[in-house]
Amino acid sequence: MISIKTIQTAMYEALCKAAVLIPPDVRDHLQRTCDEETDPLARKHMELTLENARLAAEGKGLVCGDTGYPLFFIRAGNTAQVEGGFGSLWQAARTATFAATEQNFLRPTMVDPLTRKNPGNNLGPEIPKIHLRFDGLGDDLELIAVPKGGGSEIFGTFYRMMYPSDGKAGIFKFILDSIYNSCYAGKVCPPAIVGIGIGGTADICMQIAKEAAVLSPLGTHHPNPEIAQMEKDLLDAIRQLGIGPMGSRGINAVLSLHIRTAATHTAALPVAINAQCSIGRRWKARITGKGEISYTGDIHG
């Protein structure tokens, strides 16, 4: 059985690591973007991003000051056992988030939506957010901590219930218009990581778009060849928009683009877009059934 103290430790450490360490796949894509851009301002933006990442890894601040929304994506093996039951995961997340905020790894950005009162600890209704799924025969827990920046969430979230007759052409236009609107002035801190959800209900569509943005290894493509081709065609089209890092002139408004799909109603064609900012903060902790913890920035690992 995995103790709650162990889970709290894993959540806290994963949050803190995500705030100061850029995942290796994200770093590789940022370096490629820097090498590829020819506009001086675009290159300078990327050089500063990489330099800030180096300083953060050396303990000289955060990768970015906007640590945004505290999110946890948890996969539990089917035979995993948690002290106090799985309902205790939510309190563990609250404890970890409180501690990470208190230690200044997270900036206190969560407020009441109406009064705007800030408790100063990133805690509130539905926050921190946990998404829990059961998968596999093991007794382990895998959790990915994602402190998701506000800019990418505020300016990079789009949803539309389209008509089935809109087809791929309509989907492409909606996506390209949305990416242009979110990136042209640097609002989502491009080059962004873009997740697209197609199908499901409104909430499913938004959820799979979010997961595509924050959980996909950069540079990978959907296993379905037709959807993989859509991803590649969209990336090619985005590179023709004339937008580069932080809204400068260039070709890399987007670092990587990922599509997920869900079955939907015969009369529906829901499409959602969710952007993740260029530094792609996420870090994974794996807890074995014996309570041993390992950490990695490689979400394949």
C-alpha atoms as a PDB file:
ATOM      1  CA  MET A   1       0.000   0.000   0.000  1.00  0.00           C
ATOM      2  CA  ILE A   2       1.251   3.477  -0.930  1.00  0.00           C
ATOM      3  CA  SER A   3       1.220   5.926   1.967  1.00  0.00           C
ATOM      4  CA  ILE A   4      -0.292   9.381   1.676  1.00  0.00           C
ATOM      5  CA  LYS A   5       2.963  10.908   2.891  1.00  0.00           C
ATOM      6  CA  THR A   6       4.776   9.284  -0.040  1.00  0.00           C
ATOM      7  CA  ILE A   7       2.199  10.627  -2.496  1.00  0.00           C
ATOM      8  CA  GLN A   8       2.436  14.114  -0.994  1.00  0.00           C
ATOM      9  CA  THR A   9       6.218  14.010  -1.359  1.00  0.00           C
ATOM     10  CA  ALA A  10       5.979  12.878  -4.996  1.00  0.00           C
ATOM     11  CA  MET A  11       3.432  15.571  -5.845  1.00  0.00           C
ATOM     12  CA  TYR A  12       5.467  18.297  -4.140  1.00  0.00           C
ATOM     13  CA  GLU A  13       8.752  17.302  -5.773  1.00  0.00           C
ATOM     14  CA  ALA A  14       7.162  16.921  -9.210  1.00  0.00           C
ATOM     15  CA  LEU A  15       5.597  20.395  -8.930  1.00  0.00           C
ATOM     16  CA  CYS A  16       8.885  21.944  -7.841  1.00  0.00           C
ATOM     17  CA  LYS A  17      10.874  20.225 -10.569  1.00  0.00           C
ATOM     18  CA  ALA A  18       8.339  21.314 -13.191  1.00  0.00           C
ATOM     19  CA  ALA A  19       8.795  24.913 -12.067  1.00  0.00           C
ATOM     20  CA  VAL A  20      12.570  24.941 -12.577  1.00  0.00           C
ATOM     21  CA  LEU A  21      13.382  22.234 -15.140  1.00  0.00           C
ATOM     22  CA  ILE A  22      12.357  22.179 -18.798  1.00  0.00           C
ATOM     23  CA  PRO A  23      11.556  18.635 -20.029  1.00  0.00           C
ATOM     24  CA  PRO A  24      14.215  17.279 -22.411  1.00  0.00           C
ATOM     25  CA  ASP A  25      11.883  16.994 -25.424  1.00  0.00           C
ATOM     26  CA  VAL A  26      10.782  20.611 -24.946  1.00  0.00           C
ATOM     27  CA  ARG A  27      14.375  21.794 -24.607  1.00  0.00           C
ATOM     28  CA  ASP A  28      15.336  20.005 -27.836  1.00  0.00           C
ATOM     29  CA  HIS A  29      12.472  21.661 -29.727  1.00  0.00           C
ATOM     30  CA  LEU A  30      13.313  25.089 -28.317  1.00  0.00           C
ATOM     31  CA  GLN A  31      16.921  24.706 -29.452  1.00  0.00           C
ATOM     32  CA  ARG A  32      15.805  23.568 -32.900  1.00  0.00           C
ATOM     33  CA  THR A  33      13.531  26.606 -33.124  1.00  0.00           C
ATOM     34  CA  CYS A  34      16.365  28.909 -32.129  1.00  0.00           C
ATOM     35  CA  ASP A  35      18.617  27.399 -34.798  1.00  0.00           C
ATOM     36  CA  GLU A  36      15.883  27.586 -37.432  1.00  0.00           C
ATOM     37  CA  GLU A  37      14.692  31.175 -37.024  1.00  0.00           C
ATOM     38  CA  THR A  38      16.469  33.846 -39.089  1.00  0.00           C
ATOM     39  CA  ASP A  39      14.730  36.975 -37.805  1.00  0.00           C
ATOM     40  CA  PRO A  40      17.034  38.608 -35.189  1.00  0.00           C
ATOM     41  CA  LEU A  41      14.209  39.343 -32.745  1.00  0.00           C
ATOM     42  CA  ALA A  42      12.841  35.794 -33.044  1.00  0.00           C
ATOM     43  CA  ARG A  43      16.285  34.348 -32.331  1.00  0.00           C
ATOM     44  CA  LYS A  44      16.821  36.682 -29.385  1.00  0.00           C
ATOM     45  CA  HIS A  45      13.536  35.545 -27.811  1.00  0.00           C
ATOM     46  CA  MET A  46      14.600  31.908 -28.081  1.00  0.00           C
ATOM     47  CA  GLU A  47      18.105  32.588 -26.781  1.00  0.00           C
ATOM     48  CA  LEU A  48      16.667  34.331 -23.728  1.00  0.00           C
ATOM     49  CA  THR A  49      14.222  31.475 -23.124  1.00  0.00           C
ATOM     50  CA  LEU A  50      17.039  28.926 -23.210  1.00  0.00           C
ATOM     51  CA  GLU A  51      19.268  31.104 -21.016  1.00  0.00           C
ATOM     52  CA  ASN A  52      16.479  31.521 -18.466  1.00  0.00           C
ATOM     53  CA  ALA A  53      16.019  27.742 -18.457  1.00  0.00           C
ATOM     54  CA  ARG A  54      19.734  27.271 -17.769  1.00  0.00           C
ATOM     55  CA  LEU A  55      19.646  29.700 -14.855  1.00  0.00           C
ATOM     56  CA  ALA A  56      16.527  28.094 -13.386  1.00  0.00           C
ATOM     57  CA  ALA A  57      18.142  24.644 -13.522  1.00  0.00           C
ATOM     58  CA  GLU A  58      21.072  26.104 -11.566  1.00  0.00           C
ATOM     59  CA  GLY A  59      18.742  27.268  -8.805  1.00  0.00           C
ATOM     60  CA  LYS A  60      18.616  30.915  -9.909  1.00  0.00           C
ATOM     61  CA  GLY A  61      14.862  31.403 -10.154  1.00  0.00           C
ATOM     62  CA  LEU A  62      11.950  29.807 -11.978  1.00  0.00           C
ATOM     63  CA  VAL A  63      11.745  28.926 -15.653  1.00  0.00           C
ATOM     64  CA  CYS A  64       8.848  31.409 -15.770  1.00  0.00           C
ATOM     65  CA  GLY A  65       7.254  33.477 -13.013  1.00  0.00           C
ATOM     66  CA  ASP A  66       3.703  32.610 -14.087  1.00  0.00           C
ATOM     67  CA  THR A  67       3.297  29.149 -12.607  1.00  0.00           C
ATOM     68  CA  GLY A  68      -0.430  29.384 -13.247  1.00  0.00           C
ATOM     69  CA  TYR A  69      -2.837  26.554 -12.523  1.00  0.00           C
ATOM     70  CA  PRO A  70      -1.666  23.530 -10.448  1.00  0.00           C
ATOM     71  CA  LEU A  71      -2.778  20.416 -12.359  1.00  0.00           C
ATOM     72  CA  PHE A  72      -2.123  16.723 -11.672  1.00  0.00           C
ATOM     73  CA  PHE A  73      -2.709  13.914 -14.152  1.00  0.00           C
ATOM     74  CA  ILE A  74      -2.613  10.566 -12.338  1.00  0.00           C
ATOM     75  CA  ARG A  75      -2.584   7.022 -13.710  1.00  0.00           C
ATOM     76  CA  ALA A  76      -3.169   4.216 -11.228  1.00  0.00           C
ATOM     77  CA  GLY A  77      -2.509   0.572 -11.887  1.00  0.00           C
ATOM     78  CA  ASN A  78      -5.601  -1.589 -11.437  1.00  0.00           C
ATOM     79  CA  THR A  79      -4.168  -3.255  -8.325  1.00  0.00           C
ATOM     80  CA  ALA A  80      -2.744  -0.081  -6.763  1.00  0.00           C
ATOM     81  CA  GLN A  81      -3.688   0.578  -3.152  1.00  0.00           C
ATOM     82  CA  VAL A  82      -3.593   4.004  -1.546  1.00  0.00           C
ATOM     83  CA  GLU A  83      -3.681   4.708   2.169  1.00  0.00           C
ATOM     84  CA  GLY A  84      -7.117   6.078   2.984  1.00  0.00           C
ATOM     85  CA  GLY A  85      -8.457   5.209  -0.466  1.00  0.00           C
ATOM     86  CA  PHE A  86      -8.189   7.116  -3.726  1.00  0.00           C
ATOM     87  CA  GLY A  87     -10.294   9.961  -2.378  1.00  0.00           C
ATOM     88  CA  SER A  88      -7.305  10.950  -0.254  1.00  0.00           C
ATOM     89  CA  LEU A  89      -5.398  11.964  -3.420  1.00  0.00           C
ATOM     90  CA  TRP A  90      -7.211  15.294  -3.440  1.00  0.00           C
ATOM     91  CA  GLN A  91      -6.031  16.224   0.047  1.00  0.00           C
ATOM     92  CA  ALA A  92      -2.511  15.089  -0.853  1.00  0.00           C
ATOM     93  CA  ALA A  93      -2.591  17.426  -3.848  1.00  0.00           C
ATOM     94  CA  ARG A  94      -3.762  20.309  -1.663  1.00  0.00           C
ATOM     95  CA  THR A  95      -0.967  19.673   0.839  1.00  0.00           C
ATOM     96  CA  ALA A  96       1.668  19.472  -1.902  1.00  0.00           C
ATOM     97  CA  THR A  97       0.393  22.592  -3.656  1.00  0.00           C
ATOM     98  CA  PHE A  98       0.309  24.551  -0.404  1.00  0.00           C
ATOM     99  CA  ALA A  99       3.901  23.549   0.371  1.00  0.00           C
ATOM    100  CA  ALA A 100       5.176  24.338  -3.141  1.00  0.00           C
ATOM    101  CA  THR A 101       3.531  27.771  -2.947  1.00  0.00           C
ATOM    102  CA  GLU A 102       4.890  28.424   0.541  1.00  0.00           C
ATOM    103  CA  GLN A 103       8.400  27.564  -0.686  1.00  0.00           C
ATOM    104  CA  ASN A 104       7.998  29.966  -3.669  1.00  0.00           C
ATOM    105  CA  PHE A 105       8.120  27.305  -6.374  1.00  0.00           C
ATOM    106  CA  LEU A 106       4.569  28.342  -7.298  1.00  0.00           C
ATOM    107  CA  ARG A 107       3.366  31.919  -7.491  1.00  0.00           C
ATOM    108  CA  PRO A 108      -0.007  32.363  -5.722  1.00  0.00           C
ATOM    109  CA  THR A 109      -2.172  33.067  -8.771  1.00  0.00           C
ATOM    110  CA  MET A 110      -5.439  31.300  -7.913  1.00  0.00           C
ATOM    111  CA  VAL A 111      -8.242  33.656  -6.861  1.00  0.00           C
ATOM    112  CA  ASP A 112     -12.006  33.584  -6.342  1.00  0.00           C
ATOM    113  CA  PRO A 113     -13.573  34.175  -9.786  1.00  0.00           C
ATOM    114  CA  LEU A 114     -16.062  36.780  -8.528  1.00  0.00           C
ATOM    115  CA  THR A 115     -14.580  38.511  -5.495  1.00  0.00           C
ATOM    116  CA  ARG A 116     -10.999  38.132  -6.860  1.00  0.00           C
ATOM    117  CA  LYS A 117      -9.879  37.385  -3.306  1.00  0.00           C
ATOM    118  CA  ASN A 118      -6.524  35.611  -3.269  1.00  0.00           C
ATOM    119  CA  PRO A 119      -5.958  33.168  -0.378  1.00  0.00           C
ATOM    120  CA  GLY A 120      -2.235  33.182  -1.194  1.00  0.00           C
ATOM    121  CA  ASN A 121      -1.866  29.404  -1.300  1.00  0.00           C
ATOM    122  CA  ASN A 122      -3.261  28.330  -4.721  1.00  0.00           C
ATOM    123  CA  LEU A 123      -6.092  26.424  -3.047  1.00  0.00           C
ATOM    124  CA  GLY A 124      -9.793  26.771  -3.787  1.00  0.00           C
ATOM    125  CA  PRO A 125     -12.825  24.961  -5.216  1.00  0.00           C
ATOM    126  CA  GLU A 126     -11.670  22.446  -7.879  1.00  0.00           C
ATOM    127  CA  ILE A 127      -8.057  23.651  -7.502  1.00  0.00           C
ATOM    128  CA  PRO A 128      -5.614  21.949  -7.528  1.00  0.00           C
ATOM    129  CA  LYS A 129      -7.136  19.882 -10.315  1.00  0.00           C
ATOM    130  CA  ILE A 130      -6.731  16.105 -10.404  1.00  0.00           C
ATOM    131  CA  HIS A 131      -7.533  13.904 -13.374  1.00  0.00           C
ATOM    132  CA  LEU A 132      -7.438  10.242 -12.308  1.00  0.00           C
ATOM    133  CA  ARG A 133      -7.618   7.183 -14.538  1.00  0.00           C
ATOM    134  CA  PHE A 134      -7.013   3.483 -13.965  1.00  0.00           C
ATOM    135  CA  ASP A 135      -4.867   1.679 -16.502  1.00  0.00           C
ATOM    136  CA  GLY A 136      -2.647  -1.400 -16.493  1.00  0.00           C
ATOM    137  CA  LEU A 137      -2.285  -4.402 -14.223  1.00  0.00           C
ATOM    138  CA  GLY A 138       0.389  -2.996 -11.923  1.00  0.00           C
ATOM    139  CA  ASP A 139       0.234  -1.632  -8.388  1.00  0.00           C
ATOM    140  CA  ASP A 140       2.033   1.632  -9.183  1.00  0.00           C
ATOM    141  CA  LEU A 141       0.963   5.270  -9.453  1.00  0.00           C
ATOM    142  CA  GLU A 142       2.212   7.665 -12.099  1.00  0.00           C
ATOM    143  CA  LEU A 143       1.520  11.345 -11.666  1.00  0.00           C
ATOM    144  CA  ILE A 144       2.419  14.243 -13.917  1.00  0.00           C
ATOM    145  CA  ALA A 145       2.485  17.668 -12.310  1.00  0.00           C
ATOM    146  CA  VAL A 146       1.639  20.502 -14.694  1.00  0.00           C
ATOM    147  CA  PRO A 147       1.862  24.082 -13.405  1.00  0.00           C
ATOM    148  CA  LYS A 148       0.100  25.523 -16.473  1.00  0.00           C
ATOM    149  CA  GLY A 149       0.762  29.193 -17.156  1.00  0.00           C
ATOM    150  CA  GLY A 150      -2.123  31.621 -17.277  1.00  0.00           C
ATOM    151  CA  GLY A 151      -1.318  33.174 -20.653  1.00  0.00           C
ATOM    152  CA  SER A 152      -1.558  29.922 -22.550  1.00  0.00           C
ATOM    153  CA  GLU A 153      -4.814  28.987 -20.820  1.00  0.00           C
ATOM    154  CA  ILE A 154      -6.468  32.412 -21.031  1.00  0.00           C
ATOM    155  CA  PHE A 155      -5.562  33.274 -24.615  1.00  0.00           C
ATOM    156  CA  GLY A 156      -5.033  29.795 -26.036  1.00  0.00           C
ATOM    157  CA  THR A 157      -8.356  28.098 -25.290  1.00  0.00           C
ATOM    158  CA  PHE A 158     -11.027  27.830 -27.991  1.00  0.00           C
ATOM    159  CA  TYR A 159     -14.114  25.701 -28.469  1.00  0.00           C
ATOM    160  CA  ARG A 160     -16.711  25.468 -31.210  1.00  0.00           C
ATOM    161  CA  MET A 161     -19.567  23.108 -31.910  1.00  0.00           C
ATOM    162  CA  MET A 162     -19.294  22.779 -35.671  1.00  0.00           C
ATOM    163  CA  TYR A 163     -21.576  21.107 -38.147  1.00  0.00           C
ATOM    164  CA  PRO A 164     -20.559  17.707 -39.531  1.00  0.00           C
ATOM    165  CA  SER A 165     -20.801  19.258 -43.001  1.00  0.00           C
ATOM    166  CA  ASP A 166     -17.953  21.655 -42.057  1.00  0.00           C
ATOM    167  CA  GLY A 167     -15.618  18.678 -42.375  1.00  0.00           C
ATOM    168  CA  LYS A 168     -11.825  18.898 -42.357  1.00  0.00           C
ATOM    169  CA  ALA A 169     -11.803  22.217 -44.208  1.00  0.00           C
ATOM    170  CA  GLY A 170     -13.906  23.826 -41.482  1.00  0.00           C
ATOM    171  CA  ILE A 171     -11.793  22.271 -38.742  1.00  0.00           C
ATOM    172  CA  PHE A 172      -8.583  23.534 -40.363  1.00  0.00           C
ATOM    173  CA  LYS A 173      -9.939  27.082 -40.729  1.00  0.00           C
ATOM    174  CA  PHE A 174     -11.086  27.215 -37.105  1.00  0.00           C
ATOM    175  CA  ILE A 175      -7.720  25.940 -35.863  1.00  0.00           C
ATOM    176  CA  LEU A 176      -5.640  28.278 -38.021  1.00  0.00           C
ATOM    177  CA  ASP A 177      -7.772  31.314 -37.125  1.00  0.00           C
ATOM    178  CA  SER A 178      -7.504  30.429 -33.422  1.00  0.00           C
ATOM    179  CA  ILE A 179      -3.743  29.950 -33.516  1.00  0.00           C
ATOM    180  CA  TYR A 180      -3.273  33.215 -35.375  1.00  0.00           C
ATOM    181  CA  ASN A 181      -5.394  35.085 -32.818  1.00  0.00           C
ATOM    182  CA  SER A 182      -3.539  33.538 -29.876  1.00  0.00           C
ATOM    183  CA  CYS A 183      -0.004  33.925 -31.226  1.00  0.00           C
ATOM    184  CA  TYR A 184       0.195  37.099 -33.321  1.00  0.00           C
ATOM    185  CA  ALA A 185       0.875  39.391 -30.331  1.00  0.00           C
ATOM    186  CA  GLY A 186       2.725  36.805 -28.251  1.00  0.00           C
ATOM    187  CA  LYS A 187      -0.257  36.315 -25.946  1.00  0.00           C
ATOM    188  CA  VAL A 188       0.345  32.580 -25.358  1.00  0.00           C
ATOM    189  CA  CYS A 189       4.144  32.990 -25.245  1.00  0.00           C
ATOM    190  CA  PRO A 190       4.743  31.220 -28.559  1.00  0.00           C
ATOM    191  CA  PRO A 191       6.142  28.998 -29.863  1.00  0.00           C
ATOM    192  CA  ALA A 192       3.214  27.171 -28.296  1.00  0.00           C
ATOM    193  CA  ILE A 193       2.480  23.503 -27.826  1.00  0.00           C
ATOM    194  CA  VAL A 194      -0.996  23.028 -29.262  1.00  0.00           C
ATOM    195  CA  GLY A 195      -3.486  20.329 -28.326  1.00  0.00           C
ATOM    196  CA  ILE A 196      -6.615  19.735 -30.389  1.00  0.00           C
ATOM    197  CA  GLY A 197      -9.649  17.726 -29.344  1.00  0.00           C
ATOM    198  CA  ILE A 198     -12.148  16.535 -31.939  1.00  0.00           C
ATOM    199  CA  GLY A 199     -15.358  14.788 -30.925  1.00  0.00           C
ATOM    200  CA  GLY A 200     -16.989  13.740 -27.676  1.00  0.00           C
ATOM    201  CA  THR A 201     -19.187  16.045 -25.617  1.00  0.00           C
ATOM    202  CA  ALA A 202     -18.148  19.628 -24.914  1.00  0.00           C
ATOM    203  CA  ASP A 203     -16.309  18.674 -21.716  1.00  0.00           C
ATOM    204  CA  ILE A 204     -14.677  15.566 -23.229  1.00  0.00           C
ATOM    205  CA  CYS A 205     -13.545  17.612 -26.220  1.00  0.00           C
ATOM    206  CA  MET A 206     -11.932  20.233 -23.998  1.00  0.00           C
ATOM    207  CA  GLN A 207     -10.341  17.581 -21.770  1.00  0.00           C
ATOM    208  CA  ILE A 208      -8.661  15.685 -24.589  1.00  0.00           C
ATOM    209  CA  ALA A 209      -7.422  18.959 -26.090  1.00  0.00           C
ATOM    210  CA  LYS A 210      -5.846  19.848 -22.730  1.00  0.00           C
ATOM    211  CA  GLU A 211      -4.252  16.410 -22.418  1.00  0.00           C
ATOM    212  CA  ALA A 212      -2.940  16.608 -25.978  1.00  0.00           C
ATOM    213  CA  ALA A 213      -1.294  19.946 -25.170  1.00  0.00           C
ATOM    214  CA  VAL A 214       0.321  19.102 -21.839  1.00  0.00           C
ATOM    215  CA  LEU A 215       0.928  15.330 -21.960  1.00  0.00           C
ATOM    216  CA  SER A 216       2.125  14.638 -25.519  1.00  0.00           C
ATOM    217  CA  PRO A 217       5.843  14.064 -26.124  1.00  0.00           C
ATOM    218  CA  LEU A 218       6.858  16.785 -28.564  1.00  0.00           C
ATOM    219  CA  GLY A 219       7.459  15.699 -32.146  1.00  0.00           C
ATOM    220  CA  THR A 220       5.315  12.561 -31.863  1.00  0.00           C
ATOM    221  CA  HIS A 221       2.266  11.972 -34.042  1.00  0.00           C
ATOM    222  CA  HIS A 222      -1.068  10.227 -33.690  1.00  0.00           C
ATOM    223  CA  PRO A 223      -0.947   6.455 -34.388  1.00  0.00           C
ATOM    224  CA  ASN A 224      -3.779   6.807 -36.922  1.00  0.00           C
ATOM    225  CA  PRO A 225      -2.058   7.766 -40.236  1.00  0.00           C
ATOM    226  CA  GLU A 226      -4.956   9.989 -41.329  1.00  0.00           C
ATOM    227  CA  ILE A 227      -4.881  11.999 -38.098  1.00  0.00           C
ATOM    228  CA  ALA A 228      -1.068  12.106 -38.146  1.00  0.00           C
ATOM    229  CA  GLN A 229      -1.268  13.616 -41.626  1.00  0.00           C
ATOM    230  CA  MET A 230      -3.698  16.246 -40.321  1.00  0.00           C
ATOM    231  CA  GLU A 231      -1.174  17.171 -37.629  1.00  0.00           C
ATOM    232  CA  LYS A 232       1.603  17.532 -40.213  1.00  0.00           C
ATOM    233  CA  ASP A 233      -0.571  19.519 -42.638  1.00  0.00           C
ATOM    234  CA  LEU A 234      -1.637  21.899 -39.871  1.00  0.00           C
ATOM    235  CA  LEU A 235       1.961  22.443 -38.771  1.00  0.00           C
ATOM    236  CA  ASP A 236       2.982  23.168 -42.362  1.00  0.00           C
ATOM    237  CA  ALA A 237       0.142  25.687 -42.707  1.00  0.00           C
ATOM    238  CA  ILE A 238       0.993  27.376 -39.395  1.00  0.00           C
ATOM    239  CA  ARG A 239       4.567  27.876 -40.550  1.00  0.00           C
ATOM    240  CA  GLN A 240       3.181  29.976 -43.401  1.00  0.00           C
ATOM    241  CA  LEU A 241       1.405  32.449 -41.096  1.00  0.00           C
ATOM    242  CA  GLY A 242       4.511  34.602 -40.709  1.00  0.00           C
ATOM    243  CA  ILE A 243       4.459  34.432 -36.901  1.00  0.00           C
ATOM    244  CA  GLY A 244       7.457  33.410 -34.839  1.00  0.00           C
ATOM    245  CA  PRO A 245       8.534  33.337 -31.185  1.00  0.00           C
ATOM    246  CA  MET A 246       6.637  35.788 -28.948  1.00  0.00           C
ATOM    247  CA  GLY A 247       4.725  37.103 -31.961  1.00  0.00           C
ATOM    248  CA  SER A 248       7.821  38.235 -33.852  1.00  0.00           C
ATOM    249  CA  ARG A 249       8.321  37.553 -37.553  1.00  0.00           C
ATOM    250  CA  GLY A 250       9.228  33.940 -38.167  1.00  0.00           C
ATOM    251  CA  ILE A 251       7.949  30.461 -38.857  1.00  0.00           C
ATOM    252  CA  ASN A 252       7.639  28.866 -35.421  1.00  0.00           C
ATOM    253  CA  ALA A 253       4.417  30.051 -33.796  1.00  0.00           C
ATOM    254  CA  VAL A 254       3.991  26.414 -32.723  1.00  0.00           C
ATOM    255  CA  LEU A 255       6.574  23.978 -31.335  1.00  0.00           C
ATOM    256  CA  SER A 256       4.456  20.843 -31.700  1.00  0.00           C
ATOM    257  CA  LEU A 257       0.812  20.042 -32.472  1.00  0.00           C
ATOM    258  CA  HIS A 258      -1.172  17.030 -31.281  1.00  0.00           C
ATOM    259  CA  ILE A 259      -4.699  15.819 -32.012  1.00  0.00           C
ATOM    260  CA  ARG A 260      -6.862  13.516 -29.904  1.00  0.00           C
ATOM    261  CA  THR A 261     -10.311  12.302 -30.887  1.00  0.00           C
ATOM    262  CA  ALA A 262     -13.413  10.875 -29.210  1.00  0.00           C
ATOM    263  CA  ALA A 263     -16.606   9.350 -30.564  1.00  0.00           C
ATOM    264  CA  THR A 264     -19.371  11.917 -30.842  1.00  0.00           C
ATOM    265  CA  HIS A 265     -23.061  12.339 -31.704  1.00  0.00           C
ATOM    266  CA  THR A 266     -24.029  11.852 -35.326  1.00  0.00           C
ATOM    267  CA  ALA A 267     -25.265  15.462 -35.483  1.00  0.00           C
ATOM    268  CA  ALA A 268     -22.186  16.954 -33.784  1.00  0.00           C
ATOM    269  CA  LEU A 269     -18.637  18.012 -34.637  1.00  0.00           C
ATOM    270  CA  PRO A 270     -17.127  19.581 -31.504  1.00  0.00           C
ATOM    271  CA  VAL A 271     -13.601  20.950 -31.829  1.00  0.00           C
ATOM    272  CA  ALA A 272     -11.464  22.330 -28.990  1.00  0.00           C
ATOM    273  CA  ILE A 273      -8.022  23.902 -28.907  1.00  0.00           C
ATOM    274  CA  ASN A 274      -5.779  24.291 -25.877  1.00  0.00           C
ATOM    275  CA  ALA A 275      -2.305  25.794 -25.935  1.00  0.00           C
ATOM    276  CA  GLN A 276       0.629  25.194 -23.634  1.00  0.00           C
ATOM    277  CA  CYS A 277       3.333  27.871 -23.430  1.00  0.00           C
ATOM    278  CA  SER A 278       6.761  27.348 -24.940  1.00  0.00           C
ATOM    279  CA  ILE A 279       8.485  26.013 -21.817  1.00  0.00           C
ATOM    280  CA  GLY A 280       5.989  23.157 -21.528  1.00  0.00           C
ATOM    281  CA  ARG A 281       6.230  22.683 -17.759  1.00  0.00           C
ATOM    282  CA  ARG A 282       5.519  19.102 -16.691  1.00  0.00           C
ATOM    283  CA  TRP A 283       7.380  16.555 -14.569  1.00  0.00           C
ATOM    284  CA  LYS A 284       6.501  12.961 -13.826  1.00  0.00           C
ATOM    285  CA  ALA A 285       6.787  10.963 -10.615  1.00  0.00           C
ATOM    286  CA  ARG A 286       6.340   7.191 -10.497  1.00  0.00           C
ATOM    287  CA  ILE A 287       5.554   5.487  -7.199  1.00  0.00           C
ATOM    288  CA  THR A 288       5.898   1.721  -7.002  1.00  0.00           C
ATOM    289  CA  GLY A 289       3.588  -0.392  -4.868  1.00  0.00           C
ATOM    290  CA  LYS A 290       6.418  -0.514  -2.307  1.00  0.00           C
ATOM    291  CA  GLY A 291       6.506   3.283  -2.075  1.00  0.00           C
ATOM    292  CA  GLU A 292       9.686   3.899  -4.081  1.00  0.00           C
ATOM    293  CA  ILE A 293       9.624   7.193  -6.014  1.00  0.00           C
ATOM    294  CA  SER A 294      11.431   8.086  -9.238  1.00  0.00           C
ATOM    295  CA  TYR A 295      11.220  11.322 -11.219  1.00  0.00           C
ATOM    296  CA  THR A 296      11.676  12.118 -14.895  1.00  0.00           C
ATOM    297  CA  GLY A 297      11.028  14.864 -17.412  1.00  0.00           C
ATOM    298  CA  ASP A 298      10.574  12.225 -20.087  1.00  0.00           C
ATOM    299  CA  ILE A 299       6.912  11.281 -20.052  1.00  0.00           C
ATOM    300  CA  HIS A 300       7.822   8.116 -21.975  1.00  0.00           C
ATOM    301  CA  GLY A 301      10.085   7.176 -19.044  1.00  0.00           C
END
